[in-house]
Amino acid sequence: MAASAAVRSSMGLTLRLSRVIPDCSTCPLNRLKNCVSSGANLQRTGSFDSFRTINRHLQTSIGLYHSEEGSSNAEDPEDVVNVVYIDRSGQRIPIKAKVGDNVLYLAHKHGIDLEGACEASLACSTCQVYVSADHFDKLPEPVEREDDMLDMAPMLQENSRLGCQIILTPELDGIELTLPKVTRNFYVDGHVPKPH
């Protein structure tokens, strides 16, 4: 758990993996040519109490979800998707997004109060939005896990979808996404996590 938090909080993490391999020069089976690794012709220099350690380095980096950065400064006019969020108070917030942006991460980038408690892992319904009628049928059908989470969402409507599952396409230009008046956080009701 701490390792995954470290990966999420840093741009890169180097892990040192070690494997202990016996030094075949001191093994009696090596003299009998019965040792499995004796034919491997491994370069063995030095030993420590008849064992040696091979060090391997693994470089990992932060994994961004599909356009998680939510970069809304699309240069190419063909890549621009106009999105309007309607917050809980009824205020309309227009945003110029780009094709491929994720609705949840785009909202986080622009300070819109769309929770996303499970960080887009389809384990909650806190990023539920109501999709405008003109655009609802242009979205792909929800997967079964999304439907399961929506079944538990408060104030469910026919046009409800999870924001974490909506990826913007050119067909969605002009989409209006209304935030429901309440959400239910299954971790800790009332806690709103900060976006990463």
N, C-alpha and C. Protein backbone atom coordinates (compact mmCIF):
# COMPACT_ATOMS: atom_id res chain seq x y z
N MET A 1 0.82 -1.18 0.00
CA MET A 1 0.00 0.00 0.00
C MET A 1 0.87 1.25 0.00
N ALA A 2 1.91 1.25 0.86
CA ALA A 2 2.80 2.40 0.91
C ALA A 2 3.57 2.55 -0.38
N ALA A 3 3.92 1.41 -0.99
CA ALA A 3 4.66 1.47 -2.25
C ALA A 3 3.82 2.09 -3.35
N SER A 4 2.53 1.72 -3.41
CA SER A 4 1.69 2.31 -4.44
C SER A 4 1.47 3.80 -4.19
N ALA A 5 1.43 4.20 -2.94
CA ALA A 5 1.31 5.63 -2.62
C ALA A 5 2.57 6.36 -3.06
N ALA A 6 3.72 5.72 -2.86
CA ALA A 6 4.98 6.35 -3.27
C ALA A 6 5.03 6.49 -4.78
N VAL A 7 4.54 5.48 -5.49
CA VAL A 7 4.54 5.54 -6.96
C VAL A 7 3.64 6.67 -7.41
N ARG A 8 2.47 6.80 -6.76
CA ARG A 8 1.54 7.83 -7.17
C ARG A 8 2.07 9.22 -6.85
N SER A 9 2.85 9.36 -5.78
CA SER A 9 3.27 10.69 -5.37
C SER A 9 4.58 11.14 -5.99
N SER A 10 5.25 10.28 -6.71
CA SER A 10 6.52 10.69 -7.31
C SER A 10 6.51 10.41 -8.80
N MET A 11 7.38 11.08 -9.51
CA MET A 11 7.45 10.88 -10.95
C MET A 11 8.18 9.59 -11.30
N GLY A 12 8.96 9.06 -10.43
CA GLY A 12 9.66 7.82 -10.73
C GLY A 12 10.12 7.17 -9.44
N LEU A 13 10.26 5.89 -9.46
CA LEU A 13 10.67 5.15 -8.29
C LEU A 13 11.58 4.04 -8.75
N THR A 14 12.74 3.93 -8.16
CA THR A 14 13.66 2.87 -8.52
C THR A 14 13.63 1.84 -7.42
N LEU A 15 13.36 0.61 -7.78
CA LEU A 15 13.34 -0.49 -6.83
C LEU A 15 14.59 -1.32 -7.04
N ARG A 16 15.14 -1.84 -5.97
CA ARG A 16 16.31 -2.70 -6.07
C ARG A 16 15.87 -4.10 -5.71
N LEU A 17 15.92 -4.98 -6.68
CA LEU A 17 15.53 -6.36 -6.47
C LEU A 17 16.80 -7.20 -6.36
N SER A 18 16.86 -8.06 -5.40
CA SER A 18 18.03 -8.90 -5.21
C SER A 18 17.61 -10.35 -5.22
N ARG A 19 18.49 -11.17 -5.77
CA ARG A 19 18.25 -12.61 -5.77
C ARG A 19 19.56 -13.26 -5.37
N VAL A 20 19.49 -14.16 -4.40
CA VAL A 20 20.69 -14.84 -3.93
C VAL A 20 20.88 -16.10 -4.77
N ILE A 21 22.08 -16.24 -5.31
CA ILE A 21 22.41 -17.40 -6.14
C ILE A 21 23.64 -18.05 -5.54
N PRO A 22 23.62 -19.36 -5.39
CA PRO A 22 24.79 -20.02 -4.81
C PRO A 22 26.00 -19.89 -5.73
N ASP A 23 27.18 -19.83 -5.11
CA ASP A 23 28.43 -19.78 -5.86
C ASP A 23 28.80 -21.21 -6.22
N CYS A 24 28.67 -21.59 -7.49
CA CYS A 24 28.86 -22.97 -7.93
C CYS A 24 30.29 -23.48 -7.74
N SER A 25 31.28 -22.57 -7.62
CA SER A 25 32.65 -23.03 -7.47
C SER A 25 32.86 -23.73 -6.13
N THR A 26 32.02 -23.46 -5.15
CA THR A 26 32.16 -24.11 -3.84
C THR A 26 31.18 -25.27 -3.67
N CYS A 27 30.34 -25.51 -4.66
CA CYS A 27 29.31 -26.55 -4.56
C CYS A 27 29.91 -27.90 -4.97
N PRO A 28 29.69 -28.95 -4.18
CA PRO A 28 30.22 -30.27 -4.56
C PRO A 28 29.55 -30.82 -5.81
N LEU A 29 28.33 -30.41 -6.11
CA LEU A 29 27.65 -30.91 -7.31
C LEU A 29 28.28 -30.36 -8.58
N ASN A 30 28.91 -29.18 -8.47
CA ASN A 30 29.57 -28.59 -9.63
C ASN A 30 30.70 -29.49 -10.12
N ARG A 31 31.44 -30.12 -9.17
CA ARG A 31 32.54 -31.01 -9.54
C ARG A 31 32.03 -32.26 -10.25
N LEU A 32 30.79 -32.65 -9.93
CA LEU A 32 30.21 -33.84 -10.56
C LEU A 32 29.47 -33.50 -11.85
N LYS A 33 29.46 -32.22 -12.21
CA LYS A 33 28.77 -31.72 -13.42
C LYS A 33 27.25 -31.98 -13.33
N ASN A 34 26.72 -32.02 -12.13
CA ASN A 34 25.29 -32.23 -11.94
C ASN A 34 24.55 -30.94 -11.59
N CYS A 35 25.28 -29.89 -11.48
CA CYS A 35 24.66 -28.63 -11.11
C CYS A 35 23.88 -28.08 -12.29
N VAL A 36 22.67 -27.65 -12.06
CA VAL A 36 21.80 -27.16 -13.12
C VAL A 36 22.37 -25.90 -13.75
N SER A 37 22.94 -25.02 -12.95
CA SER A 37 23.41 -23.76 -13.49
C SER A 37 24.87 -23.79 -13.92
N SER A 38 25.56 -24.95 -13.84
CA SER A 38 26.98 -24.97 -14.18
C SER A 38 27.21 -24.75 -15.66
N GLY A 39 26.28 -25.13 -16.50
CA GLY A 39 26.44 -24.95 -17.94
C GLY A 39 26.01 -23.58 -18.42
N ALA A 40 25.54 -22.76 -17.51
CA ALA A 40 25.04 -21.45 -17.91
C ALA A 40 26.15 -20.47 -18.23
N ASN A 41 27.39 -20.80 -17.83
CA ASN A 41 28.56 -19.98 -18.10
C ASN A 41 28.34 -18.54 -17.63
N LEU A 42 27.86 -18.42 -16.38
CA LEU A 42 27.64 -17.10 -15.81
C LEU A 42 28.96 -16.53 -15.34
N GLN A 43 29.13 -15.25 -15.51
CA GLN A 43 30.34 -14.61 -15.02
C GLN A 43 30.19 -14.43 -13.52
N ARG A 44 31.06 -15.08 -12.78
CA ARG A 44 30.96 -15.02 -11.32
C ARG A 44 32.27 -14.46 -10.77
N THR A 45 32.17 -13.31 -10.22
CA THR A 45 33.35 -12.68 -9.65
C THR A 45 33.08 -12.41 -8.19
N GLY A 46 33.86 -13.03 -7.34
CA GLY A 46 33.73 -12.81 -5.90
C GLY A 46 32.53 -13.54 -5.32
N SER A 47 32.62 -13.83 -4.04
CA SER A 47 31.50 -14.46 -3.36
C SER A 47 31.48 -13.99 -1.92
N PHE A 48 30.36 -14.16 -1.31
CA PHE A 48 30.21 -13.77 0.08
C PHE A 48 29.61 -14.96 0.80
N ASP A 49 30.41 -15.64 1.58
CA ASP A 49 29.97 -16.84 2.29
C ASP A 49 29.32 -17.84 1.33
N SER A 50 29.94 -18.07 0.21
CA SER A 50 29.51 -19.03 -0.80
C SER A 50 28.22 -18.63 -1.51
N PHE A 51 27.79 -17.42 -1.35
CA PHE A 51 26.61 -16.92 -2.06
C PHE A 51 26.94 -15.55 -2.65
N ARG A 52 26.22 -15.20 -3.69
CA ARG A 52 26.40 -13.86 -4.24
C ARG A 52 25.04 -13.29 -4.58
N THR A 53 24.98 -12.02 -4.73
CA THR A 53 23.72 -11.32 -4.99
C THR A 53 23.77 -10.67 -6.36
N ILE A 54 22.73 -10.88 -7.13
CA ILE A 54 22.58 -10.19 -8.41
C ILE A 54 21.63 -9.03 -8.17
N ASN A 55 22.05 -7.86 -8.55
CA ASN A 55 21.21 -6.67 -8.37
C ASN A 55 20.54 -6.33 -9.69
N ARG A 56 19.28 -6.08 -9.62
CA ARG A 56 18.53 -5.64 -10.80
C ARG A 56 17.79 -4.37 -10.42
N HIS A 57 17.70 -3.47 -11.36
CA HIS A 57 17.00 -2.21 -11.10
C HIS A 57 15.76 -2.15 -11.98
N LEU A 58 14.67 -1.76 -11.37
CA LEU A 58 13.40 -1.63 -12.06
C LEU A 58 12.97 -0.19 -11.97
N GLN A 59 12.76 0.44 -13.10
CA GLN A 59 12.34 1.84 -13.11
C GLN A 59 10.84 1.88 -13.42
N THR A 60 10.09 2.50 -12.55
CA THR A 60 8.66 2.68 -12.79
C THR A 60 8.37 4.17 -12.81
N SER A 61 7.29 4.52 -13.40
CA SER A 61 6.90 5.93 -13.42
C SER A 61 5.41 6.02 -13.19
N ILE A 62 4.98 7.22 -12.93
CA ILE A 62 3.56 7.45 -12.67
C ILE A 62 2.75 7.03 -13.89
N GLY A 63 1.68 6.32 -13.68
CA GLY A 63 0.82 5.91 -14.79
C GLY A 63 -0.34 6.87 -14.91
N LEU A 64 -0.39 7.60 -15.98
CA LEU A 64 -1.50 8.52 -16.18
C LEU A 64 -2.63 7.79 -16.88
N TYR A 65 -3.83 8.00 -16.41
CA TYR A 65 -4.98 7.44 -17.08
C TYR A 65 -5.19 8.18 -18.38
N HIS A 66 -6.08 7.72 -19.18
CA HIS A 66 -6.33 8.28 -20.49
C HIS A 66 -6.53 9.79 -20.39
N SER A 67 -5.54 10.55 -20.79
CA SER A 67 -5.55 12.01 -20.71
C SER A 67 -5.91 12.51 -19.33
N GLU A 68 -5.30 11.88 -18.31
CA GLU A 68 -5.59 12.25 -16.93
C GLU A 68 -5.24 13.71 -16.65
N GLU A 69 -4.24 14.21 -17.34
CA GLU A 69 -3.84 15.58 -17.10
C GLU A 69 -4.95 16.55 -17.44
N GLY A 70 -5.89 16.13 -18.28
CA GLY A 70 -7.03 16.98 -18.61
C GLY A 70 -6.60 18.29 -19.24
N SER A 71 -5.62 18.23 -20.11
CA SER A 71 -5.11 19.46 -20.70
C SER A 71 -6.20 20.07 -21.57
N SER A 72 -6.63 21.26 -21.18
CA SER A 72 -7.73 21.89 -21.88
C SER A 72 -7.24 22.99 -22.82
N ASN A 73 -5.97 22.99 -23.14
CA ASN A 73 -5.44 23.99 -24.05
C ASN A 73 -5.19 23.36 -25.42
N ALA A 74 -6.23 22.82 -26.01
CA ALA A 74 -6.09 22.16 -27.31
C ALA A 74 -5.79 23.21 -28.36
N GLU A 75 -4.73 22.97 -29.13
CA GLU A 75 -4.31 23.92 -30.16
C GLU A 75 -5.09 23.71 -31.45
N ASP A 76 -5.29 22.47 -31.85
CA ASP A 76 -5.97 22.15 -33.09
C ASP A 76 -7.48 22.30 -32.89
N PRO A 77 -8.14 23.15 -33.68
CA PRO A 77 -9.59 23.35 -33.51
C PRO A 77 -10.41 22.06 -33.67
N GLU A 78 -9.88 21.11 -34.41
CA GLU A 78 -10.61 19.84 -34.57
C GLU A 78 -10.57 19.01 -33.30
N ASP A 79 -9.60 19.28 -32.42
CA ASP A 79 -9.47 18.54 -31.17
C ASP A 79 -10.22 19.18 -30.01
N VAL A 80 -10.79 20.37 -30.22
CA VAL A 80 -11.48 21.08 -29.16
C VAL A 80 -12.88 20.51 -28.96
N VAL A 81 -13.21 20.24 -27.70
CA VAL A 81 -14.55 19.79 -27.33
C VAL A 81 -15.04 20.75 -26.26
N ASN A 82 -16.14 21.45 -26.55
CA ASN A 82 -16.72 22.37 -25.57
C ASN A 82 -17.58 21.58 -24.60
N VAL A 83 -17.29 21.75 -23.32
CA VAL A 83 -18.01 21.05 -22.26
C VAL A 83 -18.57 22.10 -21.30
N VAL A 84 -19.79 21.89 -20.85
CA VAL A 84 -20.38 22.78 -19.85
C VAL A 84 -20.74 21.93 -18.64
N TYR A 85 -20.13 22.24 -17.51
CA TYR A 85 -20.48 21.62 -16.24
C TYR A 85 -21.51 22.52 -15.56
N ILE A 86 -22.53 21.92 -14.98
CA ILE A 86 -23.51 22.66 -14.21
C ILE A 86 -23.39 22.16 -12.78
N ASP A 87 -22.87 23.02 -11.90
CA ASP A 87 -22.58 22.57 -10.53
C ASP A 87 -23.85 22.48 -9.69
N ARG A 88 -23.69 22.13 -8.45
CA ARG A 88 -24.83 21.88 -7.56
C ARG A 88 -25.67 23.13 -7.31
N SER A 89 -25.06 24.30 -7.47
CA SER A 89 -25.81 25.55 -7.26
C SER A 89 -26.50 26.02 -8.54
N GLY A 90 -26.26 25.31 -9.66
CA GLY A 90 -26.87 25.68 -10.92
C GLY A 90 -25.99 26.55 -11.80
N GLN A 91 -24.80 26.87 -11.31
CA GLN A 91 -23.88 27.70 -12.09
C GLN A 91 -23.33 26.91 -13.28
N ARG A 92 -23.33 27.53 -14.45
CA ARG A 92 -22.80 26.92 -15.67
C ARG A 92 -21.33 27.26 -15.80
N ILE A 93 -20.49 26.24 -15.98
CA ILE A 93 -19.04 26.44 -16.08
C ILE A 93 -18.58 25.89 -17.43
N PRO A 94 -18.38 26.77 -18.42
CA PRO A 94 -17.93 26.31 -19.73
C PRO A 94 -16.42 26.06 -19.74
N ILE A 95 -16.01 24.97 -20.39
CA ILE A 95 -14.60 24.61 -20.47
C ILE A 95 -14.30 24.16 -21.89
N LYS A 96 -13.16 24.60 -22.39
CA LYS A 96 -12.66 24.09 -23.68
C LYS A 96 -11.74 22.93 -23.36
N ALA A 97 -12.16 21.73 -23.73
CA ALA A 97 -11.38 20.52 -23.48
C ALA A 97 -10.83 20.02 -24.80
N LYS A 98 -10.19 18.88 -24.78
CA LYS A 98 -9.70 18.30 -26.02
C LYS A 98 -10.15 16.86 -26.14
N VAL A 99 -10.15 16.36 -27.34
CA VAL A 99 -10.54 14.98 -27.59
C VAL A 99 -9.65 14.06 -26.77
N GLY A 100 -10.25 13.11 -26.08
CA GLY A 100 -9.50 12.16 -25.26
C GLY A 100 -9.47 12.50 -23.79
N ASP A 101 -9.93 13.70 -23.42
CA ASP A 101 -9.96 14.07 -22.01
C ASP A 101 -11.01 13.24 -21.27
N ASN A 102 -10.70 12.94 -20.02
CA ASN A 102 -11.61 12.22 -19.13
C ASN A 102 -12.42 13.26 -18.36
N VAL A 103 -13.73 13.12 -18.31
CA VAL A 103 -14.62 14.10 -17.69
C VAL A 103 -14.29 14.31 -16.21
N LEU A 104 -13.97 13.25 -15.48
CA LEU A 104 -13.65 13.36 -14.06
C LEU A 104 -12.38 14.18 -13.85
N TYR A 105 -11.30 13.82 -14.56
CA TYR A 105 -10.03 14.50 -14.37
C TYR A 105 -10.07 15.94 -14.89
N LEU A 106 -10.86 16.16 -15.91
CA LEU A 106 -11.04 17.52 -16.44
C LEU A 106 -11.71 18.40 -15.37
N ALA A 107 -12.71 17.85 -14.70
CA ALA A 107 -13.39 18.59 -13.62
C ALA A 107 -12.40 18.90 -12.50
N HIS A 108 -11.59 17.93 -12.11
CA HIS A 108 -10.61 18.16 -11.05
C HIS A 108 -9.64 19.27 -11.43
N LYS A 109 -9.18 19.26 -12.69
CA LYS A 109 -8.22 20.26 -13.14
C LYS A 109 -8.80 21.68 -13.05
N HIS A 110 -10.09 21.80 -13.25
CA HIS A 110 -10.72 23.12 -13.27
C HIS A 110 -11.45 23.44 -11.96
N GLY A 111 -11.19 22.66 -10.92
CA GLY A 111 -11.74 22.95 -9.60
C GLY A 111 -13.22 22.73 -9.45
N ILE A 112 -13.79 21.88 -10.29
CA ILE A 112 -15.21 21.57 -10.20
C ILE A 112 -15.39 20.44 -9.20
N ASP A 113 -16.38 20.56 -8.33
CA ASP A 113 -16.56 19.64 -7.20
C ASP A 113 -17.18 18.32 -7.63
N LEU A 114 -16.47 17.58 -8.47
CA LEU A 114 -16.88 16.23 -8.87
C LEU A 114 -15.94 15.29 -8.14
N GLU A 115 -16.46 14.53 -7.18
CA GLU A 115 -15.61 13.86 -6.20
C GLU A 115 -14.68 12.80 -6.78
N GLY A 116 -15.19 11.66 -7.22
CA GLY A 116 -14.30 10.60 -7.71
C GLY A 116 -13.51 9.94 -6.61
N ALA A 117 -14.17 9.49 -5.54
CA ALA A 117 -13.49 8.94 -4.37
C ALA A 117 -12.63 7.71 -4.67
N CYS A 118 -13.02 6.89 -5.63
CA CYS A 118 -12.28 5.65 -5.92
C CYS A 118 -11.20 5.86 -6.97
N GLU A 119 -10.98 7.09 -7.39
CA GLU A 119 -9.96 7.43 -8.38
C GLU A 119 -10.14 6.66 -9.68
N ALA A 120 -11.37 6.61 -10.16
CA ALA A 120 -11.74 6.02 -11.45
C ALA A 120 -11.53 4.52 -11.52
N SER A 121 -11.66 3.82 -10.41
CA SER A 121 -11.49 2.37 -10.43
C SER A 121 -12.83 1.63 -10.45
N LEU A 122 -13.90 2.34 -10.71
CA LEU A 122 -15.26 1.77 -10.76
C LEU A 122 -15.63 1.08 -9.44
N ALA A 123 -15.34 1.76 -8.33
CA ALA A 123 -15.66 1.20 -7.02
C ALA A 123 -16.59 2.12 -6.23
N CYS A 124 -17.09 3.19 -6.85
CA CYS A 124 -18.03 4.08 -6.18
C CYS A 124 -18.88 4.78 -7.23
N SER A 125 -19.75 5.65 -6.77
CA SER A 125 -20.59 6.40 -7.72
C SER A 125 -20.50 7.89 -7.46
N THR A 126 -19.43 8.34 -6.83
CA THR A 126 -19.32 9.74 -6.43
C THR A 126 -19.04 10.69 -7.60
N CYS A 127 -18.71 10.15 -8.77
CA CYS A 127 -18.48 11.02 -9.94
C CYS A 127 -19.69 10.98 -10.89
N GLN A 128 -20.84 10.60 -10.36
CA GLN A 128 -22.06 10.54 -11.18
C GLN A 128 -22.39 11.92 -11.74
N VAL A 129 -22.75 11.96 -13.01
CA VAL A 129 -23.21 13.19 -13.66
C VAL A 129 -24.47 12.87 -14.46
N TYR A 130 -25.25 13.91 -14.71
CA TYR A 130 -26.41 13.78 -15.60
C TYR A 130 -25.99 14.34 -16.95
N VAL A 131 -26.08 13.53 -17.98
CA VAL A 131 -25.64 13.92 -19.32
C VAL A 131 -26.82 14.53 -20.07
N SER A 132 -26.55 15.62 -20.80
CA SER A 132 -27.61 16.28 -21.58
C SER A 132 -28.23 15.30 -22.56
N ALA A 133 -29.52 15.46 -22.80
CA ALA A 133 -30.28 14.53 -23.65
C ALA A 133 -29.71 14.43 -25.07
N ASP A 134 -29.22 15.56 -25.60
CA ASP A 134 -28.68 15.56 -26.96
C ASP A 134 -27.42 14.71 -27.10
N HIS A 135 -26.73 14.47 -26.01
CA HIS A 135 -25.45 13.77 -26.07
C HIS A 135 -25.45 12.40 -25.41
N PHE A 136 -26.49 12.09 -24.66
CA PHE A 136 -26.52 10.82 -23.92
C PHE A 136 -26.40 9.62 -24.86
N ASP A 137 -27.09 9.63 -25.98
CA ASP A 137 -27.06 8.49 -26.91
C ASP A 137 -25.77 8.41 -27.71
N LYS A 138 -24.95 9.46 -27.64
CA LYS A 138 -23.67 9.44 -28.35
C LYS A 138 -22.56 8.78 -27.53
N LEU A 139 -22.86 8.50 -26.26
CA LEU A 139 -21.89 7.82 -25.40
C LEU A 139 -21.94 6.31 -25.65
N PRO A 140 -20.81 5.62 -25.50
CA PRO A 140 -20.86 4.16 -25.61
C PRO A 140 -21.67 3.58 -24.44
N GLU A 141 -22.20 2.39 -24.64
CA GLU A 141 -22.97 1.74 -23.59
C GLU A 141 -22.09 1.54 -22.35
N PRO A 142 -22.65 1.70 -21.15
CA PRO A 142 -21.84 1.49 -19.95
C PRO A 142 -21.51 0.01 -19.77
N VAL A 143 -20.33 -0.25 -19.21
CA VAL A 143 -19.96 -1.63 -18.90
C VAL A 143 -20.75 -2.07 -17.67
N GLU A 144 -20.77 -3.36 -17.42
CA GLU A 144 -21.58 -3.91 -16.33
C GLU A 144 -21.19 -3.32 -14.97
N ARG A 145 -19.89 -3.14 -14.74
CA ARG A 145 -19.44 -2.59 -13.44
C ARG A 145 -19.93 -1.15 -13.25
N GLU A 146 -19.97 -0.37 -14.33
CA GLU A 146 -20.50 0.99 -14.22
C GLU A 146 -21.99 0.95 -13.88
N ASP A 147 -22.72 0.08 -14.53
CA ASP A 147 -24.15 -0.08 -14.22
C ASP A 147 -24.35 -0.47 -12.76
N ASP A 148 -23.51 -1.38 -12.25
CA ASP A 148 -23.61 -1.81 -10.85
C ASP A 148 -23.40 -0.64 -9.90
N MET A 149 -22.42 0.20 -10.19
CA MET A 149 -22.16 1.37 -9.33
C MET A 149 -23.28 2.40 -9.44
N LEU A 150 -23.80 2.59 -10.64
CA LEU A 150 -24.91 3.54 -10.81
C LEU A 150 -26.16 3.08 -10.06
N ASP A 151 -26.35 1.76 -9.95
CA ASP A 151 -27.51 1.25 -9.21
C ASP A 151 -27.48 1.69 -7.75
N MET A 152 -26.28 1.96 -7.22
CA MET A 152 -26.15 2.36 -5.82
C MET A 152 -26.09 3.88 -5.65
N ALA A 153 -26.12 4.62 -6.75
CA ALA A 153 -26.01 6.08 -6.69
C ALA A 153 -27.30 6.71 -6.19
N PRO A 154 -27.18 7.70 -5.31
CA PRO A 154 -28.39 8.42 -4.89
C PRO A 154 -28.87 9.32 -6.02
N MET A 155 -30.16 9.54 -6.10
CA MET A 155 -30.77 10.42 -7.10
C MET A 155 -30.46 9.98 -8.53
N LEU A 156 -30.51 8.69 -8.76
CA LEU A 156 -30.23 8.13 -10.08
C LEU A 156 -31.31 8.57 -11.07
N GLN A 157 -30.89 8.92 -12.29
CA GLN A 157 -31.81 9.30 -13.35
C GLN A 157 -31.48 8.47 -14.59
N GLU A 158 -32.38 8.54 -15.58
CA GLU A 158 -32.18 7.81 -16.83
C GLU A 158 -30.90 8.22 -17.55
N ASN A 159 -30.51 9.49 -17.38
CA ASN A 159 -29.34 10.00 -18.08
C ASN A 159 -28.09 10.04 -17.20
N SER A 160 -28.06 9.25 -16.13
CA SER A 160 -26.91 9.21 -15.23
C SER A 160 -25.78 8.38 -15.83
N ARG A 161 -24.57 8.88 -15.70
CA ARG A 161 -23.35 8.14 -16.07
C ARG A 161 -22.26 8.51 -15.07
N LEU A 162 -21.23 7.68 -15.00
CA LEU A 162 -20.08 7.99 -14.16
C LEU A 162 -19.10 8.84 -14.97
N GLY A 163 -18.71 9.98 -14.43
CA GLY A 163 -17.80 10.88 -15.13
C GLY A 163 -16.46 10.24 -15.45
N CYS A 164 -16.02 9.32 -14.61
CA CYS A 164 -14.72 8.67 -14.85
C CYS A 164 -14.74 7.77 -16.07
N GLN A 165 -15.91 7.44 -16.57
CA GLN A 165 -16.02 6.54 -17.72
C GLN A 165 -16.34 7.28 -19.01
N ILE A 166 -16.44 8.60 -18.95
CA ILE A 166 -16.74 9.39 -20.16
C ILE A 166 -15.45 9.98 -20.70
N ILE A 167 -15.07 9.53 -21.89
CA ILE A 167 -13.91 10.06 -22.60
C ILE A 167 -14.44 10.92 -23.74
N LEU A 168 -13.98 12.15 -23.82
CA LEU A 168 -14.51 13.10 -24.79
C LEU A 168 -14.10 12.75 -26.22
N THR A 169 -15.07 12.85 -27.12
CA THR A 169 -14.88 12.63 -28.55
C THR A 169 -15.43 13.85 -29.28
N PRO A 170 -15.10 14.03 -30.57
CA PRO A 170 -15.65 15.18 -31.30
C PRO A 170 -17.17 15.22 -31.31
N GLU A 171 -17.82 14.06 -31.29
CA GLU A 171 -19.29 14.00 -31.30
C GLU A 171 -19.90 14.59 -30.03
N LEU A 172 -19.11 14.68 -28.96
CA LEU A 172 -19.62 15.17 -27.68
C LEU A 172 -19.46 16.68 -27.52
N ASP A 173 -19.08 17.38 -28.58
CA ASP A 173 -18.91 18.83 -28.51
C ASP A 173 -20.23 19.48 -28.07
N GLY A 174 -20.16 20.33 -27.05
CA GLY A 174 -21.35 20.99 -26.53
C GLY A 174 -22.05 20.23 -25.43
N ILE A 175 -21.48 19.14 -24.96
CA ILE A 175 -22.10 18.31 -23.92
C ILE A 175 -22.28 19.12 -22.63
N GLU A 176 -23.41 18.92 -21.98
CA GLU A 176 -23.66 19.54 -20.69
C GLU A 176 -23.74 18.44 -19.64
N LEU A 177 -22.97 18.60 -18.58
CA LEU A 177 -22.89 17.62 -17.50
C LEU A 177 -23.34 18.29 -16.21
N THR A 178 -24.45 17.81 -15.65
CA THR A 178 -24.99 18.37 -14.43
C THR A 178 -24.60 17.50 -13.25
N LEU A 179 -24.08 18.12 -12.20
CA LEU A 179 -23.73 17.38 -10.99
C LEU A 179 -24.98 17.18 -10.14
N PRO A 180 -25.18 15.97 -9.61
CA PRO A 180 -26.35 15.75 -8.75
C PRO A 180 -26.20 16.53 -7.44
N LYS A 181 -27.33 16.75 -6.77
CA LYS A 181 -27.32 17.55 -5.53
C LYS A 181 -26.55 16.85 -4.41
N VAL A 182 -26.54 15.52 -4.39
CA VAL A 182 -25.83 14.77 -3.34
C VAL A 182 -25.09 13.59 -3.97
N THR A 183 -24.07 13.12 -3.25
CA THR A 183 -23.38 11.88 -3.62
C THR A 183 -23.24 11.04 -2.36
N ARG A 184 -22.89 9.79 -2.53
CA ARG A 184 -22.68 8.91 -1.39
C ARG A 184 -21.28 8.33 -1.52
N ASN A 185 -20.42 8.66 -0.56
CA ASN A 185 -19.06 8.17 -0.53
C ASN A 185 -19.04 6.91 0.33
N PHE A 186 -18.71 5.78 -0.28
CA PHE A 186 -18.75 4.52 0.44
C PHE A 186 -17.55 4.33 1.37
N TYR A 187 -16.44 5.11 1.19
CA TYR A 187 -15.31 5.01 2.12
C TYR A 187 -15.70 5.66 3.44
N VAL A 188 -15.81 6.99 3.37
CA VAL A 188 -16.07 7.80 4.55
C VAL A 188 -17.08 8.85 4.11
N ASP A 189 -18.32 8.68 4.50
CA ASP A 189 -19.34 9.60 4.03
C ASP A 189 -19.04 11.00 4.50
N GLY A 190 -19.04 11.93 3.57
CA GLY A 190 -18.76 13.31 3.89
C GLY A 190 -17.35 13.76 3.59
N HIS A 191 -16.41 12.82 3.37
CA HIS A 191 -15.01 13.18 3.08
C HIS A 191 -14.84 13.39 1.58
N VAL A 192 -14.24 14.51 1.21
CA VAL A 192 -13.98 14.79 -0.20
C VAL A 192 -12.48 14.77 -0.40
N PRO A 193 -11.93 13.75 -1.10
CA PRO A 193 -10.48 13.70 -1.29
C PRO A 193 -10.01 14.76 -2.26
N LYS A 194 -8.79 15.19 -2.08
CA LYS A 194 -8.18 16.18 -2.99
C LYS A 194 -7.64 15.43 -4.22
N PRO A 195 -7.81 16.00 -5.42
CA PRO A 195 -7.24 15.35 -6.62
C PRO A 195 -5.73 15.37 -6.56
N HIS A 196 -5.10 14.37 -7.19
CA HIS A 196 -3.64 14.24 -7.17
C HIS A 196 -3.03 15.04 -8.28
